[in-house]
Amino acid sequence: MAHFVVENEMQCFALIRKLLSFLPQNNEEEPPIIESKDPPDRTDEELRSLVPKMPYEPYDMLKIILKVVDSEDFLQVHQAWAPNIIVGFARLSGRVVGIVANQPLHLSGALDIDSSVKASRFVRFCDCFNIPIITFVDVPGYMPGLEQEHGGIIRHGSKLLYAYCEATVPKITVIIRKAYGGAYCAMGSKYSKADLNYAWPTAEIAVMGPEAAVNIIYRDQLAEAPEEERERLRTKLIKEYREKFANPYEAASRGIIDEIIDPAQTRPKLIRALESLENKSEFRPNKKHGNIPL
């Protein structure tokens, strides 16, 4: 239930002051802009090596966030709950942004019921107070299993898709690695009305992972292959699938991705994107709202 936990009263007051520094006085004002000492054109070559070469090896998404935002200053919200997704406030060149990011260190970054609710509430909060949303994606899909199905993963998972679609603030997405299936659609994709979608060269964008796709598409071919040759054939087909389909270049050719960027250039790219979307406006009928799947 608690968004923040602190040790004592003084820490509580300090945290409240910090939180309020990211927020406008009301929903009709813009978030406060401060002068940043962190250069807007700063690049970081270490970002090129943070994602492991092995596609299923975990890494800490928080390190990427801290290297991109101003002065490594990031205020996490609900830090101890649903750690497979990260949400919080930061600044880019002095402008307040809300960050939503999958965390591969927990459940491989998959979306479950709790993380979907956590992220969708944060997206809606940012939209309430005119805070642009930056999304970092590395999601293998929605969490499978009877417990998730009986708990309503489809209903709760759709809340995140709804929140992104309804939000009218600037929405910028960076695909870091995996972006699979319906979970990718819900994580600030073009399908959920994101304004700009960037991808690192390490991005894999597909309906499902290469291993699962090969097992389905080439099921008959694998079954007919001699047992001693089957694994070698599967490895070959997975490699071909990844090279042909699960890459950002194929997605970019179809307009799903706006640009494939050098990871070291992520910060200046996001800052320029925010500047270009500064005067974004989107008409909505007065005193009307959609019907969120509660």
C-alpha atoms as a PDB file:
ATOM      1  CA  MET A   1       0.000   0.000   0.000  1.00  0.00           C
ATOM      2  CA  ALA A   2       2.880   2.406   0.707  1.00  0.00           C
ATOM      3  CA  HIS A   3       4.533   4.218  -2.179  1.00  0.00           C
ATOM      4  CA  PHE A   4       7.580   5.170  -0.086  1.00  0.00           C
ATOM      5  CA  VAL A   5       9.247   3.843   3.056  1.00  0.00           C
ATOM      6  CA  VAL A   6      11.654   5.897   5.193  1.00  0.00           C
ATOM      7  CA  GLU A   7      13.566   5.381   8.424  1.00  0.00           C
ATOM      8  CA  ASN A   8      12.479   8.461  10.386  1.00  0.00           C
ATOM      9  CA  GLU A   9      10.573  11.746  10.353  1.00  0.00           C
ATOM     10  CA  MET A  10      13.446  13.832   8.952  1.00  0.00           C
ATOM     11  CA  GLN A  11      13.848  11.477   6.014  1.00  0.00           C
ATOM     12  CA  CYS A  12      10.093  11.673   5.490  1.00  0.00           C
ATOM     13  CA  PHE A  13      10.142  15.486   5.254  1.00  0.00           C
ATOM     14  CA  ALA A  14      13.139  15.391   2.898  1.00  0.00           C
ATOM     15  CA  LEU A  15      11.411  12.850   0.649  1.00  0.00           C
ATOM     16  CA  ILE A  16       8.205  14.887   0.527  1.00  0.00           C
ATOM     17  CA  ARG A  17      10.181  17.985  -0.490  1.00  0.00           C
ATOM     18  CA  LYS A  18      11.932  16.021  -3.221  1.00  0.00           C
ATOM     19  CA  LEU A  19       8.689  14.526  -4.500  1.00  0.00           C
ATOM     20  CA  LEU A  20       6.974  17.926  -4.620  1.00  0.00           C
ATOM     21  CA  SER A  21       9.932  19.344  -6.569  1.00  0.00           C
ATOM     22  CA  PHE A  22       8.877  17.122  -9.511  1.00  0.00           C
ATOM     23  CA  LEU A  23       5.200  18.114  -9.447  1.00  0.00           C
ATOM     24  CA  PRO A  24       3.260  21.198 -10.598  1.00  0.00           C
ATOM     25  CA  GLN A  25       0.980  23.063  -8.193  1.00  0.00           C
ATOM     26  CA  ASN A  26      -2.090  21.679  -9.962  1.00  0.00           C
ATOM     27  CA  ASN A  27      -3.174  19.814 -13.082  1.00  0.00           C
ATOM     28  CA  GLU A  28      -3.392  22.998 -15.188  1.00  0.00           C
ATOM     29  CA  GLU A  29       0.281  23.920 -14.695  1.00  0.00           C
ATOM     30  CA  GLU A  30       3.406  22.430 -16.251  1.00  0.00           C
ATOM     31  CA  PRO A  31       5.978  20.658 -14.046  1.00  0.00           C
ATOM     32  CA  PRO A  32       8.771  22.955 -12.825  1.00  0.00           C
ATOM     33  CA  ILE A  33      11.837  23.279 -15.044  1.00  0.00           C
ATOM     34  CA  ILE A  34      15.166  23.842 -13.313  1.00  0.00           C
ATOM     35  CA  GLU A  35      18.595  24.683 -14.634  1.00  0.00           C
ATOM     36  CA  SER A  36      20.605  21.494 -15.031  1.00  0.00           C
ATOM     37  CA  LYS A  37      24.372  21.293 -14.707  1.00  0.00           C
ATOM     38  CA  ASP A  38      24.365  18.008 -16.619  1.00  0.00           C
ATOM     39  CA  PRO A  39      25.070  18.832 -20.313  1.00  0.00           C
ATOM     40  CA  PRO A  40      22.131  17.971 -22.615  1.00  0.00           C
ATOM     41  CA  ASP A  41      24.505  16.631 -25.281  1.00  0.00           C
ATOM     42  CA  ARG A  42      26.335  14.324 -22.863  1.00  0.00           C
ATOM     43  CA  THR A  43      26.927  10.838 -24.243  1.00  0.00           C
ATOM     44  CA  ASP A  44      27.963   7.699 -22.370  1.00  0.00           C
ATOM     45  CA  GLU A  45      29.853   4.982 -24.211  1.00  0.00           C
ATOM     46  CA  GLU A  46      29.393   2.571 -21.310  1.00  0.00           C
ATOM     47  CA  LEU A  47      25.753   2.216 -22.353  1.00  0.00           C
ATOM     48  CA  ARG A  48      26.957   0.222 -25.366  1.00  0.00           C
ATOM     49  CA  SER A  49      28.225  -2.579 -23.143  1.00  0.00           C
ATOM     50  CA  LEU A  50      25.556  -2.783 -20.419  1.00  0.00           C
ATOM     51  CA  VAL A  51      23.313  -5.229 -22.294  1.00  0.00           C
ATOM     52  CA  PRO A  52      24.793  -8.766 -22.298  1.00  0.00           C
ATOM     53  CA  LYS A  53      25.447 -10.486 -25.614  1.00  0.00           C
ATOM     54  CA  MET A  54      23.508 -13.557 -24.469  1.00  0.00           C
ATOM     55  CA  PRO A  55      19.797 -12.681 -24.976  1.00  0.00           C
ATOM     56  CA  TYR A  56      18.598 -14.319 -21.748  1.00  0.00           C
ATOM     57  CA  GLU A  57      21.328 -13.039 -19.436  1.00  0.00           C
ATOM     58  CA  PRO A  58      19.937 -10.502 -16.924  1.00  0.00           C
ATOM     59  CA  TYR A  59      21.259  -6.991 -16.323  1.00  0.00           C
ATOM     60  CA  ASP A  60      20.232  -4.028 -14.193  1.00  0.00           C
ATOM     61  CA  MET A  61      17.939  -1.620 -16.062  1.00  0.00           C
ATOM     62  CA  LEU A  62      18.411   0.906 -13.252  1.00  0.00           C
ATOM     63  CA  LYS A  63      22.020   1.435 -14.386  1.00  0.00           C
ATOM     64  CA  ILE A  64      20.773   2.503 -17.820  1.00  0.00           C
ATOM     65  CA  ILE A  65      18.247   4.909 -16.316  1.00  0.00           C
ATOM     66  CA  LEU A  66      20.826   6.545 -14.026  1.00  0.00           C
ATOM     67  CA  LYS A  67      23.269   7.053 -16.909  1.00  0.00           C
ATOM     68  CA  VAL A  68      20.631   8.788 -19.019  1.00  0.00           C
ATOM     69  CA  VAL A  69      18.881  11.138 -16.563  1.00  0.00           C
ATOM     70  CA  ASP A  70      20.258  14.363 -15.091  1.00  0.00           C
ATOM     71  CA  SER A  71      23.009  13.848 -12.496  1.00  0.00           C
ATOM     72  CA  GLU A  72      21.947  10.213 -11.874  1.00  0.00           C
ATOM     73  CA  ASP A  73      19.026  11.592  -9.841  1.00  0.00           C
ATOM     74  CA  PHE A  74      16.038   9.228  -9.950  1.00  0.00           C
ATOM     75  CA  LEU A  75      13.181   8.987  -7.422  1.00  0.00           C
ATOM     76  CA  GLN A  76      11.657   5.513  -7.517  1.00  0.00           C
ATOM     77  CA  VAL A  77       8.001   5.004  -6.638  1.00  0.00           C
ATOM     78  CA  HIS A  78       6.788   1.681  -5.170  1.00  0.00           C
ATOM     79  CA  GLN A  79      10.407   0.530  -5.181  1.00  0.00           C
ATOM     80  CA  ALA A  80       9.793  -2.594  -3.061  1.00  0.00           C
ATOM     81  CA  TRP A  81       6.570  -3.697  -4.796  1.00  0.00           C
ATOM     82  CA  ALA A  82       6.491  -5.517  -8.163  1.00  0.00           C
ATOM     83  CA  PRO A  83      10.246  -5.037  -8.730  1.00  0.00           C
ATOM     84  CA  ASN A  84      10.006  -6.492 -12.250  1.00  0.00           C
ATOM     85  CA  ILE A  85       9.014  -3.000 -13.340  1.00  0.00           C
ATOM     86  CA  ILE A  86      10.598   0.322 -12.387  1.00  0.00           C
ATOM     87  CA  VAL A  87       8.659   3.596 -12.171  1.00  0.00           C
ATOM     88  CA  GLY A  88       9.758   6.972 -10.889  1.00  0.00           C
ATOM     89  CA  PHE A  89      10.587  10.621 -11.512  1.00  0.00           C
ATOM     90  CA  ALA A  90      13.715  12.151 -13.030  1.00  0.00           C
ATOM     91  CA  ARG A  91      14.803  15.110 -15.146  1.00  0.00           C
ATOM     92  CA  LEU A  92      16.250  15.453 -18.629  1.00  0.00           C
ATOM     93  CA  SER A  93      17.941  18.811 -19.203  1.00  0.00           C
ATOM     94  CA  GLY A  94      15.954  20.161 -16.260  1.00  0.00           C
ATOM     95  CA  ARG A  95      12.572  18.920 -17.514  1.00  0.00           C
ATOM     96  CA  VAL A  96      10.594  16.526 -15.331  1.00  0.00           C
ATOM     97  CA  VAL A  97       9.845  13.107 -16.826  1.00  0.00           C
ATOM     98  CA  GLY A  98       8.177   9.960 -15.573  1.00  0.00           C
ATOM     99  CA  ILE A  99      10.182   6.788 -16.204  1.00  0.00           C
ATOM    100  CA  VAL A 100       8.642   3.347 -16.800  1.00  0.00           C
ATOM    101  CA  ALA A 101      11.045   0.454 -17.379  1.00  0.00           C
ATOM    102  CA  ASN A 102      11.114  -3.328 -17.289  1.00  0.00           C
ATOM    103  CA  GLN A 103      13.660  -4.773 -14.847  1.00  0.00           C
ATOM    104  CA  PRO A 104      15.299  -7.961 -16.249  1.00  0.00           C
ATOM    105  CA  LEU A 105      16.754  -8.785 -12.820  1.00  0.00           C
ATOM    106  CA  HIS A 106      13.274  -9.788 -11.617  1.00  0.00           C
ATOM    107  CA  LEU A 107      11.051 -12.275 -13.492  1.00  0.00           C
ATOM    108  CA  SER A 108      13.139 -11.419 -16.598  1.00  0.00           C
ATOM    109  CA  GLY A 109      11.162  -8.163 -16.806  1.00  0.00           C
ATOM    110  CA  ALA A 110       7.898  -9.953 -17.669  1.00  0.00           C
ATOM    111  CA  LEU A 111       4.610  -8.226 -16.882  1.00  0.00           C
ATOM    112  CA  ASP A 112       2.486  -9.829 -14.193  1.00  0.00           C
ATOM    113  CA  ILE A 113      -0.640  -8.571 -12.438  1.00  0.00           C
ATOM    114  CA  ASP A 114       1.158  -6.434  -9.843  1.00  0.00           C
ATOM    115  CA  SER A 115       3.615  -4.811 -12.262  1.00  0.00           C
ATOM    116  CA  SER A 116       0.814  -4.026 -14.736  1.00  0.00           C
ATOM    117  CA  VAL A 117      -1.201  -2.265 -12.027  1.00  0.00           C
ATOM    118  CA  LYS A 118       1.893  -0.468 -10.700  1.00  0.00           C
ATOM    119  CA  ALA A 119       2.901   0.868 -14.116  1.00  0.00           C
ATOM    120  CA  SER A 120      -0.594   1.774 -15.296  1.00  0.00           C
ATOM    121  CA  ARG A 121      -1.319   3.802 -12.147  1.00  0.00           C
ATOM    122  CA  PHE A 122       1.981   5.656 -12.556  1.00  0.00           C
ATOM    123  CA  VAL A 123       1.310   6.402 -16.243  1.00  0.00           C
ATOM    124  CA  ARG A 124      -2.101   7.819 -15.340  1.00  0.00           C
ATOM    125  CA  PHE A 125      -0.592   9.898 -12.535  1.00  0.00           C
ATOM    126  CA  CYS A 126       1.930  11.416 -14.970  1.00  0.00           C
ATOM    127  CA  ASP A 127      -0.862  12.165 -17.426  1.00  0.00           C
ATOM    128  CA  CYS A 128      -2.854  13.901 -14.664  1.00  0.00           C
ATOM    129  CA  PHE A 129      -0.018  16.343 -13.998  1.00  0.00           C
ATOM    130  CA  ASN A 130       1.367  16.925 -17.514  1.00  0.00           C
ATOM    131  CA  ILE A 131       4.545  14.890 -16.990  1.00  0.00           C
ATOM    132  CA  PRO A 132       6.055  13.339 -20.169  1.00  0.00           C
ATOM    133  CA  ILE A 133       6.575   9.573 -20.056  1.00  0.00           C
ATOM    134  CA  ILE A 134       9.829   7.850 -21.035  1.00  0.00           C
ATOM    135  CA  THR A 135       9.612   4.060 -21.400  1.00  0.00           C
ATOM    136  CA  PHE A 136      12.563   1.657 -21.489  1.00  0.00           C
ATOM    137  CA  VAL A 137      11.503  -1.737 -22.832  1.00  0.00           C
ATOM    138  CA  ASP A 138      12.907  -5.201 -22.252  1.00  0.00           C
ATOM    139  CA  VAL A 139       9.850  -7.413 -21.902  1.00  0.00           C
ATOM    140  CA  PRO A 140       9.593 -11.107 -22.860  1.00  0.00           C
ATOM    141  CA  GLY A 141       5.802 -11.133 -22.484  1.00  0.00           C
ATOM    142  CA  TYR A 142       3.085 -11.469 -19.885  1.00  0.00           C
ATOM    143  CA  MET A 143       3.755 -13.834 -17.000  1.00  0.00           C
ATOM    144  CA  PRO A 144       2.211 -17.275 -17.732  1.00  0.00           C
ATOM    145  CA  GLY A 145       0.670 -19.644 -15.200  1.00  0.00           C
ATOM    146  CA  LEU A 146      -2.635 -20.629 -13.615  1.00  0.00           C
ATOM    147  CA  GLU A 147      -2.202 -18.210 -10.712  1.00  0.00           C
ATOM    148  CA  GLN A 148      -1.883 -15.263 -13.083  1.00  0.00           C
ATOM    149  CA  GLU A 149      -4.738 -16.461 -15.281  1.00  0.00           C
ATOM    150  CA  HIS A 150      -7.103 -16.966 -12.331  1.00  0.00           C
ATOM    151  CA  GLY A 151      -6.017 -13.627 -10.871  1.00  0.00           C
ATOM    152  CA  GLY A 152      -7.052 -11.837 -14.082  1.00  0.00           C
ATOM    153  CA  ILE A 153      -3.793 -11.115 -15.919  1.00  0.00           C
ATOM    154  CA  ILE A 154      -5.720 -10.236 -19.095  1.00  0.00           C
ATOM    155  CA  ARG A 155      -7.909  -7.697 -17.294  1.00  0.00           C
ATOM    156  CA  HIS A 156      -5.097  -6.220 -15.208  1.00  0.00           C
ATOM    157  CA  GLY A 157      -2.597  -6.357 -18.064  1.00  0.00           C
ATOM    158  CA  SER A 158      -4.969  -4.415 -20.293  1.00  0.00           C
ATOM    159  CA  LYS A 159      -4.962  -1.553 -17.774  1.00  0.00           C
ATOM    160  CA  LEU A 160      -1.429  -0.677 -18.851  1.00  0.00           C
ATOM    161  CA  LEU A 161      -2.372  -0.683 -22.523  1.00  0.00           C
ATOM    162  CA  TYR A 162      -5.371   1.507 -21.704  1.00  0.00           C
ATOM    163  CA  ALA A 163      -3.286   3.925 -19.624  1.00  0.00           C
ATOM    164  CA  TYR A 164      -0.788   4.520 -22.432  1.00  0.00           C
ATOM    165  CA  CYS A 165      -3.521   4.877 -25.062  1.00  0.00           C
ATOM    166  CA  GLU A 166      -5.438   7.407 -22.971  1.00  0.00           C
ATOM    167  CA  ALA A 167      -2.431   9.513 -21.919  1.00  0.00           C
ATOM    168  CA  THR A 168      -2.071  12.752 -23.888  1.00  0.00           C
ATOM    169  CA  VAL A 169       1.348  13.827 -22.571  1.00  0.00           C
ATOM    170  CA  PRO A 170       4.482  13.310 -24.708  1.00  0.00           C
ATOM    171  CA  LYS A 171       5.335   9.585 -24.801  1.00  0.00           C
ATOM    172  CA  ILE A 172       8.788   8.417 -25.908  1.00  0.00           C
ATOM    173  CA  THR A 173       9.893   4.783 -25.905  1.00  0.00           C
ATOM    174  CA  VAL A 174      13.327   3.180 -26.152  1.00  0.00           C
ATOM    175  CA  ILE A 175      13.485  -0.576 -26.828  1.00  0.00           C
ATOM    176  CA  ILE A 176      16.620  -1.905 -25.177  1.00  0.00           C
ATOM    177  CA  ARG A 177      16.376  -5.635 -25.841  1.00  0.00           C
ATOM    178  CA  LYS A 178      13.312  -7.943 -25.916  1.00  0.00           C
ATOM    179  CA  ALA A 179       9.954  -6.585 -27.074  1.00  0.00           C
ATOM    180  CA  TYR A 180       7.700  -9.586 -27.511  1.00  0.00           C
ATOM    181  CA  GLY A 181       4.004 -10.021 -28.126  1.00  0.00           C
ATOM    182  CA  GLY A 182       1.154  -8.262 -26.380  1.00  0.00           C
ATOM    183  CA  ALA A 183       3.371  -7.116 -23.527  1.00  0.00           C
ATOM    184  CA  TYR A 184       5.419  -5.069 -25.999  1.00  0.00           C
ATOM    185  CA  CYS A 185       2.217  -3.485 -27.354  1.00  0.00           C
ATOM    186  CA  ALA A 186       1.338  -2.407 -23.799  1.00  0.00           C
ATOM    187  CA  MET A 187       4.787  -0.914 -23.077  1.00  0.00           C
ATOM    188  CA  GLY A 188       4.498   2.375 -24.926  1.00  0.00           C
ATOM    189  CA  SER A 189       4.584   1.005 -28.467  1.00  0.00           C
ATOM    190  CA  LYS A 190       3.261   2.670 -31.604  1.00  0.00           C
ATOM    191  CA  TYR A 191       0.138   0.562 -31.078  1.00  0.00           C
ATOM    192  CA  SER A 192      -0.477   2.344 -27.761  1.00  0.00           C
ATOM    193  CA  LYS A 193      -0.051   5.785 -29.362  1.00  0.00           C
ATOM    194  CA  ALA A 194       3.551   6.584 -28.410  1.00  0.00           C
ATOM    195  CA  ASP A 195       4.856   9.710 -30.152  1.00  0.00           C
ATOM    196  CA  LEU A 196       8.392   8.465 -30.814  1.00  0.00           C
ATOM    197  CA  ASN A 197       9.841   4.969 -30.664  1.00  0.00           C
ATOM    198  CA  TYR A 198      13.601   4.423 -30.629  1.00  0.00           C
ATOM    199  CA  ALA A 199      15.458   1.124 -30.531  1.00  0.00           C
ATOM    200  CA  TRP A 200      18.976   0.103 -29.655  1.00  0.00           C
ATOM    201  CA  PRO A 201      20.738  -2.252 -32.117  1.00  0.00           C
ATOM    202  CA  THR A 202      20.285  -4.997 -29.479  1.00  0.00           C
ATOM    203  CA  ALA A 203      16.481  -4.797 -29.751  1.00  0.00           C
ATOM    204  CA  GLU A 204      14.476  -7.898 -30.665  1.00  0.00           C
ATOM    205  CA  ILE A 205      10.929  -7.072 -31.771  1.00  0.00           C
ATOM    206  CA  ALA A 206       8.666 -10.013 -32.552  1.00  0.00           C
ATOM    207  CA  VAL A 207       5.421 -11.774 -31.674  1.00  0.00           C
ATOM    208  CA  MET A 208       7.391 -14.184 -29.500  1.00  0.00           C
ATOM    209  CA  GLY A 209      10.979 -15.201 -28.794  1.00  0.00           C
ATOM    210  CA  PRO A 210      12.957 -16.941 -31.561  1.00  0.00           C
ATOM    211  CA  GLU A 211      13.125 -20.241 -29.658  1.00  0.00           C
ATOM    212  CA  ALA A 212       9.351 -20.501 -29.171  1.00  0.00           C
ATOM    213  CA  ALA A 213       8.640 -19.279 -32.705  1.00  0.00           C
ATOM    214  CA  VAL A 214      10.941 -21.873 -34.284  1.00  0.00           C
ATOM    215  CA  ASN A 215       9.355 -24.680 -32.262  1.00  0.00           C
ATOM    216  CA  ILE A 216       5.948 -23.709 -33.694  1.00  0.00           C
ATOM    217  CA  ILE A 217       6.787 -22.652 -37.261  1.00  0.00           C
ATOM    218  CA  TYR A 218       9.195 -25.498 -37.962  1.00  0.00           C
ATOM    219  CA  ARG A 219       7.534 -28.157 -35.800  1.00  0.00           C
ATOM    220  CA  ASP A 220       7.089 -30.669 -38.634  1.00  0.00           C
ATOM    221  CA  GLN A 221      10.569 -30.057 -40.029  1.00  0.00           C
ATOM    222  CA  LEU A 222      12.156 -30.590 -36.603  1.00  0.00           C
ATOM    223  CA  ALA A 223      10.079 -33.716 -35.960  1.00  0.00           C
ATOM    224  CA  GLU A 224      11.163 -35.254 -39.262  1.00  0.00           C
ATOM    225  CA  ALA A 225      14.866 -34.512 -38.727  1.00  0.00           C
ATOM    226  CA  PRO A 226      17.084 -37.334 -37.366  1.00  0.00           C
ATOM    227  CA  GLU A 227      17.415 -37.112 -33.596  1.00  0.00           C
ATOM    228  CA  GLU A 228      21.169 -36.536 -33.734  1.00  0.00           C
ATOM    229  CA  GLU A 229      20.660 -33.607 -36.155  1.00  0.00           C
ATOM    230  CA  ARG A 230      17.603 -32.037 -34.488  1.00  0.00           C
ATOM    231  CA  GLU A 231      19.366 -29.731 -32.044  1.00  0.00           C
ATOM    232  CA  ARG A 232      21.813 -28.476 -34.650  1.00  0.00           C
ATOM    233  CA  LEU A 233      18.897 -27.732 -37.018  1.00  0.00           C
ATOM    234  CA  ARG A 234      16.976 -25.936 -34.255  1.00  0.00           C
ATOM    235  CA  THR A 235      20.022 -23.755 -33.474  1.00  0.00           C
ATOM    236  CA  LYS A 236      20.392 -22.912 -37.178  1.00  0.00           C
ATOM    237  CA  LEU A 237      16.711 -22.011 -37.550  1.00  0.00           C
ATOM    238  CA  ILE A 238      16.768 -19.852 -34.391  1.00  0.00           C
ATOM    239  CA  LYS A 239      19.753 -17.926 -35.729  1.00  0.00           C
ATOM    240  CA  GLU A 240      18.033 -17.399 -39.093  1.00  0.00           C
ATOM    241  CA  TYR A 241      14.800 -16.276 -37.413  1.00  0.00           C
ATOM    242  CA  ARG A 242      16.648 -13.794 -35.192  1.00  0.00           C
ATOM    243  CA  GLU A 243      18.575 -12.350 -38.161  1.00  0.00           C
ATOM    244  CA  LYS A 244      15.510 -12.102 -40.418  1.00  0.00           C
ATOM    245  CA  PHE A 245      12.693 -11.115 -38.055  1.00  0.00           C
ATOM    246  CA  ALA A 246      13.716 -10.451 -34.436  1.00  0.00           C
ATOM    247  CA  ASN A 247      15.737  -7.305 -35.033  1.00  0.00           C
ATOM    248  CA  PRO A 248      15.036  -3.568 -35.023  1.00  0.00           C
ATOM    249  CA  TYR A 249      15.844  -3.101 -38.718  1.00  0.00           C
ATOM    250  CA  GLU A 250      12.873  -5.165 -39.864  1.00  0.00           C
ATOM    251  CA  ALA A 251      10.615  -3.247 -37.464  1.00  0.00           C
ATOM    252  CA  ALA A 252      12.027   0.090 -38.659  1.00  0.00           C
ATOM    253  CA  SER A 253      11.340  -0.840 -42.292  1.00  0.00           C
ATOM    254  CA  ARG A 254       7.670  -1.325 -41.356  1.00  0.00           C
ATOM    255  CA  GLY A 255       7.420   1.987 -39.473  1.00  0.00           C
ATOM    256  CA  ILE A 256       7.073   0.373 -36.044  1.00  0.00           C
ATOM    257  CA  ILE A 257      10.334   2.028 -34.989  1.00  0.00           C
ATOM    258  CA  ASP A 258      11.162   5.644 -35.821  1.00  0.00           C
ATOM    259  CA  GLU A 259      14.935   5.348 -35.474  1.00  0.00           C
ATOM    260  CA  ILE A 260      17.634   2.901 -34.416  1.00  0.00           C
ATOM    261  CA  ILE A 261      20.029   4.829 -32.199  1.00  0.00           C
ATOM    262  CA  ASP A 262      23.503   4.443 -30.778  1.00  0.00           C
ATOM    263  CA  PRO A 263      23.029   3.572 -27.078  1.00  0.00           C
ATOM    264  CA  ALA A 264      25.634   6.189 -26.158  1.00  0.00           C
ATOM    265  CA  GLN A 265      23.390   8.851 -27.753  1.00  0.00           C
ATOM    266  CA  THR A 266      20.263   7.931 -25.768  1.00  0.00           C
ATOM    267  CA  ARG A 267      20.302  10.983 -23.485  1.00  0.00           C
ATOM    268  CA  PRO A 268      20.669  13.682 -26.190  1.00  0.00           C
ATOM    269  CA  LYS A 269      18.127  11.862 -28.387  1.00  0.00           C
ATOM    270  CA  LEU A 270      15.533  11.876 -25.603  1.00  0.00           C
ATOM    271  CA  ILE A 271      16.170  15.529 -24.763  1.00  0.00           C
ATOM    272  CA  ARG A 272      15.745  16.613 -28.381  1.00  0.00           C
ATOM    273  CA  ALA A 273      12.580  14.514 -28.630  1.00  0.00           C
ATOM    274  CA  LEU A 274      11.146  16.184 -25.529  1.00  0.00           C
ATOM    275  CA  GLU A 275      11.902  19.602 -26.975  1.00  0.00           C
ATOM    276  CA  SER A 276      10.145  18.699 -30.246  1.00  0.00           C
ATOM    277  CA  LEU A 277       7.054  17.532 -28.312  1.00  0.00           C
ATOM    278  CA  GLU A 278       6.992  20.501 -25.928  1.00  0.00           C
ATOM    279  CA  ASN A 279       3.828  21.990 -27.425  1.00  0.00           C
ATOM    280  CA  LYS A 280       2.024  18.703 -28.063  1.00  0.00           C
ATOM    281  CA  SER A 281      -1.745  19.007 -27.711  1.00  0.00           C
ATOM    282  CA  GLU A 282      -4.406  16.351 -28.123  1.00  0.00           C
ATOM    283  CA  PHE A 283      -8.115  17.070 -28.156  1.00  0.00           C
ATOM    284  CA  ARG A 284     -10.414  15.125 -25.836  1.00  0.00           C
ATOM    285  CA  PRO A 285     -14.172  15.706 -25.385  1.00  0.00           C
ATOM    286  CA  ASN A 286     -14.889  17.923 -22.384  1.00  0.00           C
ATOM    287  CA  LYS A 287     -15.971  16.110 -19.199  1.00  0.00           C
ATOM    288  CA  LYS A 288     -15.738  12.692 -20.887  1.00  0.00           C
ATOM    289  CA  HIS A 289     -13.484   9.740 -20.230  1.00  0.00           C
ATOM    290  CA  GLY A 290     -13.033   6.173 -21.387  1.00  0.00           C
ATOM    291  CA  ASN A 291     -14.043   3.017 -19.535  1.00  0.00           C
ATOM    292  CA  ILE A 292     -10.862   1.570 -18.020  1.00  0.00           C
ATOM    293  CA  PRO A 293     -10.996  -2.227 -17.406  1.00  0.00           C
ATOM    294  CA  LEU A 294     -11.226  -2.260 -13.595  1.00  0.00           C
END
